[in-house]
Amino acid sequence: MIVDRWRWYHGTSAVHAKDILADGCLRPGMLSLYDEWLAPRPDAVYITSSLELAQAFAICHDEDGVVFEVSSPETVNLVPDEDSIREALMNGTVGGGDPYLAAEVRKFWMVAQEISIEDFNEALGSTVESLDAYEYSEFFHKIASAIALDKPSLALRIIVSSERAAHIGSLKILGTVPFLELASSQTRLRNLPMEEI
């Protein structure tokens, strides 16, 4: 399987990196930078197969951020990142802009909710508008989990396309990774809002 051969990374602030290094593992429930509007799952850690994306996460709140390489995850413990599910449902794209994959995510939700394609926008809009911040996060967590359980091949394709995943459970830290020599790319990524990273 392709994800078994990938290297996986986690980008974080210098402050959080100290705790992670002291523990030797990336564990669910550790302090996170990314709980502003779409809270992380409490049972997972977030990883990416893209070193550039890990760097972007590391420096988005702290220019001294750190990137860790983590042990290879067990595929059965990978769940699509809820940001990818949100992107598919709300914007109609996944990862690099794949509208066909997003259409499959939308179809999955419509079938589960017994909604026709004609009613999709209204149904989704009224659903998310009625949610508080916690419920909003849970809404996308539950869809990601349902896809991983009911359609594992779709879940894997979302993970491959977006280059990021939630991993249920802990992962061992293999070491820190030097930042790529991509000054122009780093500057570009620093200036992007989180929802675009």
Protein backbone atom coordinates (compact mmCIF):
# COMPACT_ATOMS: atom_id res chain seq x y z
CA MET A 1 0.00 0.00 0.00
CA ILE A 2 1.35 3.43 -0.93
CA VAL A 3 1.03 5.05 2.52
CA ASP A 4 3.12 2.25 4.05
CA ARG A 5 6.10 3.42 1.98
CA TRP A 6 5.71 7.13 2.76
CA ARG A 7 7.62 9.11 5.33
CA TRP A 8 5.28 10.89 7.73
CA TYR A 9 5.82 14.20 9.51
CA HIS A 10 4.32 16.41 12.19
CA GLY A 11 4.98 20.14 12.38
CA THR A 12 4.59 21.99 15.67
CA SER A 13 5.76 25.00 17.67
CA ALA A 14 9.07 25.03 19.54
CA VAL A 15 7.19 25.01 22.88
CA HIS A 16 5.13 21.94 22.00
CA ALA A 17 8.18 20.26 20.46
CA LYS A 18 9.91 20.19 23.86
CA ASP A 19 7.02 18.22 25.38
CA ILE A 20 6.90 15.84 22.42
CA LEU A 21 10.67 15.23 22.57
CA ALA A 22 10.54 14.62 26.32
CA ASP A 23 7.80 12.03 25.79
CA GLY A 24 9.35 10.43 22.69
CA CYS A 25 5.89 10.02 21.19
CA LEU A 26 3.25 12.12 19.56
CA ARG A 27 0.16 11.37 21.64
CA PRO A 28 -3.51 12.26 21.30
CA GLY A 29 -4.57 14.99 23.70
CA MET A 30 -1.26 16.86 23.69
CA LEU A 31 -1.52 20.63 23.39
CA SER A 32 -2.23 21.72 19.84
CA LEU A 33 -1.90 24.88 17.79
CA TYR A 34 -4.84 24.01 15.61
CA ASP A 35 -7.96 24.38 17.67
CA GLU A 36 -9.10 27.82 16.57
CA TRP A 37 -12.21 26.96 14.53
CA LEU A 38 -12.04 23.27 13.70
CA ALA A 39 -10.85 21.54 16.85
CA PRO A 40 -8.61 18.49 16.51
CA ARG A 41 -9.91 15.04 17.35
CA PRO A 42 -9.11 14.12 20.96
CA ASP A 43 -8.26 10.53 19.97
CA ALA A 44 -5.79 11.31 17.18
CA VAL A 45 -2.53 12.92 16.18
CA TYR A 46 -2.14 14.78 12.91
CA ILE A 47 0.46 13.84 10.34
CA THR A 48 1.37 14.69 6.77
CA SER A 49 3.38 12.99 4.07
CA SER A 50 4.47 16.41 2.79
CA LEU A 51 7.59 17.85 4.38
CA GLU A 52 6.71 21.26 2.97
CA LEU A 53 3.24 21.11 4.57
CA ALA A 54 4.76 20.00 7.90
CA GLN A 55 7.09 23.01 7.73
CA ALA A 56 4.15 25.29 7.05
CA PHE A 57 2.34 23.96 10.13
CA ALA A 58 5.52 24.31 12.20
CA ILE A 59 6.07 27.97 11.33
CA CYS A 60 2.48 29.20 11.05
CA HIS A 61 2.39 30.27 14.72
CA ASP A 62 6.07 30.12 15.65
CA GLU A 63 9.00 30.94 13.37
CA ASP A 64 11.10 28.54 15.48
CA GLY A 65 8.72 25.65 14.86
CA VAL A 66 9.96 22.08 14.59
CA VAL A 67 9.21 19.22 12.19
CA PHE A 68 9.34 15.64 13.44
CA GLU A 69 9.49 12.48 11.41
CA VAL A 70 7.18 9.91 12.99
CA SER A 71 6.98 6.13 12.75
CA SER A 72 4.98 4.67 9.90
CA PRO A 73 1.32 4.56 10.85
CA GLU A 74 -0.83 1.47 10.63
CA THR A 75 -3.17 2.10 7.72
CA VAL A 76 -6.19 0.88 9.70
CA ASN A 77 -5.59 3.73 12.18
CA LEU A 78 -5.59 6.46 9.52
CA VAL A 79 -8.63 8.68 9.12
CA PRO A 80 -8.96 11.53 6.64
CA ASP A 81 -8.14 14.87 8.24
CA GLU A 82 -11.43 16.63 8.99
CA ASP A 83 -10.10 19.71 7.18
CA SER A 84 -10.08 17.62 3.99
CA ILE A 85 -13.69 16.56 4.60
CA ARG A 86 -14.71 20.16 5.27
CA GLU A 87 -12.92 21.26 2.08
CA ALA A 88 -14.74 18.59 0.06
CA LEU A 89 -18.19 19.39 1.41
CA MET A 90 -17.93 23.17 1.60
CA ASN A 91 -15.64 23.98 -1.36
CA GLY A 92 -16.00 20.98 -3.65
CA THR A 93 -12.29 20.13 -3.76
CA VAL A 94 -9.81 17.88 -1.94
CA GLY A 95 -6.05 18.29 -1.67
CA GLY A 96 -4.73 19.60 -4.95
CA GLY A 97 -8.21 20.56 -6.11
CA ASP A 98 -9.67 17.17 -7.05
CA PRO A 99 -13.39 17.82 -7.70
CA TYR A 100 -14.14 14.15 -8.47
CA LEU A 101 -12.91 13.01 -5.08
CA ALA A 102 -14.89 15.80 -3.43
CA ALA A 103 -17.98 14.65 -5.34
CA GLU A 104 -17.54 11.19 -3.82
CA VAL A 105 -17.35 12.71 -0.32
CA ARG A 106 -20.45 14.77 -1.02
CA LYS A 107 -22.28 11.70 -2.35
CA PHE A 108 -21.30 9.74 0.77
CA TRP A 109 -22.84 12.45 2.99
CA MET A 110 -25.96 12.81 0.82
CA VAL A 111 -26.64 9.06 0.88
CA ALA A 112 -26.14 8.93 4.67
CA GLN A 113 -28.51 11.87 5.11
CA GLU A 114 -30.94 10.71 2.39
CA ILE A 115 -30.56 14.02 0.56
CA SER A 116 -30.87 14.54 -3.18
CA ILE A 117 -28.21 16.40 -5.13
CA GLU A 118 -30.71 19.19 -5.74
CA ASP A 119 -31.05 19.71 -1.97
CA PHE A 120 -27.33 19.38 -1.12
CA ASN A 121 -26.37 23.06 -0.73
CA GLU A 122 -29.44 23.98 1.29
CA ALA A 123 -29.18 20.90 3.52
CA LEU A 124 -25.47 21.35 4.18
CA GLY A 125 -25.85 25.09 4.78
CA SER A 126 -28.70 24.71 7.25
CA THR A 127 -26.85 21.88 9.03
CA VAL A 128 -23.57 23.72 9.59
CA GLU A 129 -25.22 27.08 10.38
CA SER A 130 -27.04 25.53 13.32
CA LEU A 131 -23.89 24.12 14.96
CA ASP A 132 -21.82 25.67 17.72
CA ALA A 133 -17.99 25.44 17.51
CA TYR A 134 -17.80 22.03 19.22
CA GLU A 135 -20.64 20.56 17.14
CA TYR A 136 -19.08 21.99 13.96
CA SER A 137 -15.83 20.12 14.65
CA GLU A 138 -17.69 16.93 15.62
CA PHE A 139 -19.74 17.10 12.42
CA PHE A 140 -16.62 16.78 10.24
CA HIS A 141 -14.91 14.30 12.63
CA LYS A 142 -17.91 11.97 12.38
CA ILE A 143 -18.02 12.11 8.59
CA ALA A 144 -14.26 11.39 8.40
CA SER A 145 -14.67 8.43 10.76
CA ALA A 146 -17.69 7.09 8.86
CA ILE A 147 -15.81 7.26 5.56
CA ALA A 148 -12.81 5.46 7.11
CA LEU A 149 -15.11 2.73 8.44
CA ASP A 150 -17.56 2.33 5.56
CA LYS A 151 -15.41 3.29 2.55
CA PRO A 152 -11.75 2.66 3.44
CA SER A 153 -10.62 2.98 -0.19
CA LEU A 154 -12.23 6.43 -0.39
CA ALA A 155 -10.60 7.38 2.93
CA LEU A 156 -7.21 6.33 1.60
CA ARG A 157 -7.68 8.28 -1.63
CA ILE A 158 -8.55 11.40 0.39
CA ILE A 159 -5.41 10.92 2.50
CA VAL A 160 -3.24 10.41 -0.59
CA SER A 161 -4.71 13.45 -2.37
CA SER A 162 -4.51 15.80 0.63
CA GLU A 163 -1.20 14.40 1.95
CA ARG A 164 -2.50 14.58 5.52
CA ALA A 165 -4.32 12.37 7.99
CA ALA A 166 -5.46 11.94 11.54
CA HIS A 167 -3.90 8.87 13.14
CA ILE A 168 -5.92 7.23 15.90
CA GLY A 169 -3.43 6.64 18.70
CA SER A 170 0.19 7.54 19.37
CA LEU A 171 3.16 7.52 17.02
CA LYS A 172 6.82 7.26 17.96
CA ILE A 173 9.06 10.22 17.15
CA LEU A 174 11.96 9.15 14.92
CA GLY A 175 13.72 12.52 15.07
CA THR A 176 13.62 16.11 13.95
CA VAL A 177 13.87 17.03 10.29
CA PRO A 178 15.90 19.97 8.97
CA PHE A 179 13.88 22.57 7.12
CA LEU A 180 14.00 22.46 3.34
CA GLU A 181 15.95 25.16 1.57
CA LEU A 182 12.80 26.76 0.18
CA ALA A 183 12.92 30.34 1.42
CA SER A 184 10.46 31.65 -1.17
CA SER A 185 8.10 28.75 -0.48
CA GLN A 186 8.36 29.26 3.30
CA THR A 187 7.57 32.94 2.91
CA ARG A 188 4.58 32.10 0.73
CA LEU A 189 3.32 29.49 3.21
CA ARG A 190 3.80 31.81 6.21
CA ASN A 191 1.44 34.30 4.61
CA LEU A 192 -1.37 31.85 3.88
CA PRO A 193 -4.37 31.61 6.20
CA MET A 194 -4.55 28.20 7.96
CA GLU A 195 -7.57 27.08 5.95
CA GLU A 196 -5.48 27.40 2.77
CA ILE A 197 -2.48 25.47 4.13
